[in-house]
C-alpha atoms as a PDB file:
ATOM      1  CA  MET A   1     -33.883   7.426   5.424  1.00  0.00           C
ATOM      2  CA  PRO A   2     -32.755  10.918   3.853  1.00  0.00           C
ATOM      3  CA  GLY A   3     -32.664  12.681   7.044  1.00  0.00           C
ATOM      4  CA  ARG A   4     -29.936  10.434   8.465  1.00  0.00           C
ATOM      5  CA  ARG A   5     -27.053  11.312   5.900  1.00  0.00           C
ATOM      6  CA  GLY A   6     -25.346  14.503   5.773  1.00  0.00           C
ATOM      7  CA  LEU A   7     -24.251  14.352   2.289  1.00  0.00           C
ATOM      8  CA  SER A   8     -26.247  12.747  -0.639  1.00  0.00           C
ATOM      9  CA  TYR A   9     -24.649   9.924  -2.534  1.00  0.00           C
ATOM     10  CA  LYS A  10     -23.768  11.756  -5.792  1.00  0.00           C
ATOM     11  CA  ALA A  11     -21.876  14.579  -3.064  1.00  0.00           C
ATOM     12  CA  ARG A  12     -20.196  11.680  -1.215  1.00  0.00           C
ATOM     13  CA  ARG A  13     -18.744  10.492  -4.828  1.00  0.00           C
ATOM     14  CA  ARG A  14     -17.667  13.748  -5.790  1.00  0.00           C
ATOM     15  CA  TRP A  15     -16.081  14.520  -2.172  1.00  0.00           C
ATOM     16  CA  SER A  16     -14.185  10.950  -2.551  1.00  0.00           C
ATOM     17  CA  LEU A  17     -12.792  11.905  -5.841  1.00  0.00           C
ATOM     18  CA  ALA A  18     -11.450  14.868  -4.820  1.00  0.00           C
ATOM     19  CA  ILE A  19      -9.929  13.593  -1.586  1.00  0.00           C
ATOM     20  CA  LEU A  20      -8.247  10.978  -3.604  1.00  0.00           C
ATOM     21  CA  LEU A  21      -6.903  13.637  -6.560  1.00  0.00           C
ATOM     22  CA  ILE A  22      -6.031  15.820  -3.686  1.00  0.00           C
ATOM     23  CA  GLY A  23      -5.296  14.046  -0.829  1.00  0.00           C
ATOM     24  CA  LEU A  24      -3.633  11.232  -1.445  1.00  0.00           C
ATOM     25  CA  PRO A  25      -0.540  13.119  -3.175  1.00  0.00           C
ATOM     26  CA  ALA A  26      -0.557  15.004  -0.065  1.00  0.00           C
ATOM     27  CA  TYR A  27      -0.227  12.354   2.120  1.00  0.00           C
ATOM     28  CA  VAL A  28       2.822  10.614  -0.023  1.00  0.00           C
ATOM     29  CA  VAL A  29       4.496  13.946   0.501  1.00  0.00           C
ATOM     30  CA  VAL A  30       3.960  14.116   4.281  1.00  0.00           C
ATOM     31  CA  ALA A  31       5.032  10.492   4.291  1.00  0.00           C
ATOM     32  CA  VAL A  32       8.174  10.927   2.506  1.00  0.00           C
ATOM     33  CA  SER A  33       9.176  13.943   4.440  1.00  0.00           C
ATOM     34  CA  VAL A  34       8.369  12.363   7.577  1.00  0.00           C
ATOM     35  CA  VAL A  35      10.622   9.561   6.734  1.00  0.00           C
ATOM     36  CA  ASN A  36      13.451  11.603   5.415  1.00  0.00           C
ATOM     37  CA  TRP A  37      13.347  13.672   8.386  1.00  0.00           C
ATOM     38  CA  LEU A  38      13.896  10.743  10.554  1.00  0.00           C
ATOM     39  CA  GLU A  39      17.248  10.012   8.559  1.00  0.00           C
ATOM     40  CA  ARG A  40      17.014   6.362   7.162  1.00  0.00           C
ATOM     41  CA  PRO A  41      15.317   4.823   9.859  1.00  0.00           C
ATOM     42  CA  SER A  42      15.159   0.714  10.040  1.00  0.00           C
ATOM     43  CA  ILE A  43      12.882  -0.818   7.377  1.00  0.00           C
ATOM     44  CA  LEU A  44      10.453  -1.500  10.309  1.00  0.00           C
ATOM     45  CA  VAL A  45      10.339   1.707  11.400  1.00  0.00           C
ATOM     46  CA  GLU A  46      10.004   3.188   7.772  1.00  0.00           C
ATOM     47  CA  LEU A  47       7.039   0.717   7.489  1.00  0.00           C
ATOM     48  CA  ALA A  48       5.677   1.750  10.777  1.00  0.00           C
ATOM     49  CA  VAL A  49       5.391   5.353   9.734  1.00  0.00           C
ATOM     50  CA  TYR A  50       4.002   4.595   6.273  1.00  0.00           C
ATOM     51  CA  VAL A  51       1.194   2.413   7.685  1.00  0.00           C
ATOM     52  CA  GLY A  52       0.221   4.686  10.714  1.00  0.00           C
ATOM     53  CA  LEU A  53       0.047   8.004   8.191  1.00  0.00           C
ATOM     54  CA  GLY A  54      -2.153   5.865   5.919  1.00  0.00           C
ATOM     55  CA  PHE A  55      -4.393   5.219   9.085  1.00  0.00           C
ATOM     56  CA  LEU A  56      -4.405   8.814  10.543  1.00  0.00           C
ATOM     57  CA  TRP A  57      -4.993  10.143   6.906  1.00  0.00           C
ATOM     58  CA  ILE A  58      -8.470   8.090   5.985  1.00  0.00           C
ATOM     59  CA  LEU A  59     -10.002   8.256   9.480  1.00  0.00           C
ATOM     60  CA  PRO A  60     -11.275  11.789   9.068  1.00  0.00           C
ATOM     61  CA  PHE A  61     -12.946  10.899   5.701  1.00  0.00           C
ATOM     62  CA  ARG A  62     -14.349   7.466   6.635  1.00  0.00           C
ATOM     63  CA  PHE A  63     -17.916   8.541   6.167  1.00  0.00           C
ATOM     64  CA  VAL A  64     -17.372   9.614   2.644  1.00  0.00           C
ATOM     65  CA  PHE A  65     -15.668   6.718   1.409  1.00  0.00           C
ATOM     66  CA  ARG A  66     -18.634   4.606   3.206  1.00  0.00           C
ATOM     67  CA  GLY A  67     -20.574   2.696   0.475  1.00  0.00           C
ATOM     68  CA  ILE A  68     -19.110   4.584  -2.526  1.00  0.00           C
ATOM     69  CA  GLY A  69     -18.593   1.314  -4.399  1.00  0.00           C
ATOM     70  CA  GLN A  70     -22.189   0.298  -3.845  1.00  0.00           C
ATOM     71  CA  ALA A  71     -24.903   1.276  -6.216  1.00  0.00           C
ATOM     72  CA  ASP A  72     -26.676   4.570  -5.552  1.00  0.00           C
ATOM     73  CA  PRO A  73     -29.424   4.063  -2.898  1.00  0.00           C
ATOM     74  CA  ASP A  74     -31.133   7.284  -4.132  1.00  0.00           C
ATOM     75  CA  ARG A  75     -31.901   5.863  -7.254  1.00  0.00           C
ATOM     76  CA  GLY A  76     -33.983   2.843  -6.018  1.00  0.00           C
ATOM     77  CA  GLY A  77     -34.400  -0.064  -8.248  1.00  0.00           C
ATOM     78  CA  GLU A  78     -33.414   1.409 -11.382  1.00  0.00           C
ATOM     79  CA  ASP A  79     -30.691   0.426 -13.575  1.00  0.00           C
END
């Protein structure tokens, strides 16, 4: 159904690549900065920060990554 999606499959693939190439390194910088700001927390607190920031980072982009690993639905049955 073409009217249901905001972005085409091809656009979502491009956006997902850009997000991974720009957003993931930015996430790493932010996560390490937050842990350094906490001044050597325990390993469990450090793990919780990394996991928490990882989920917070991906939530806004969930719709972009959904279905990217599957075949292009716009191509139909062509190979």
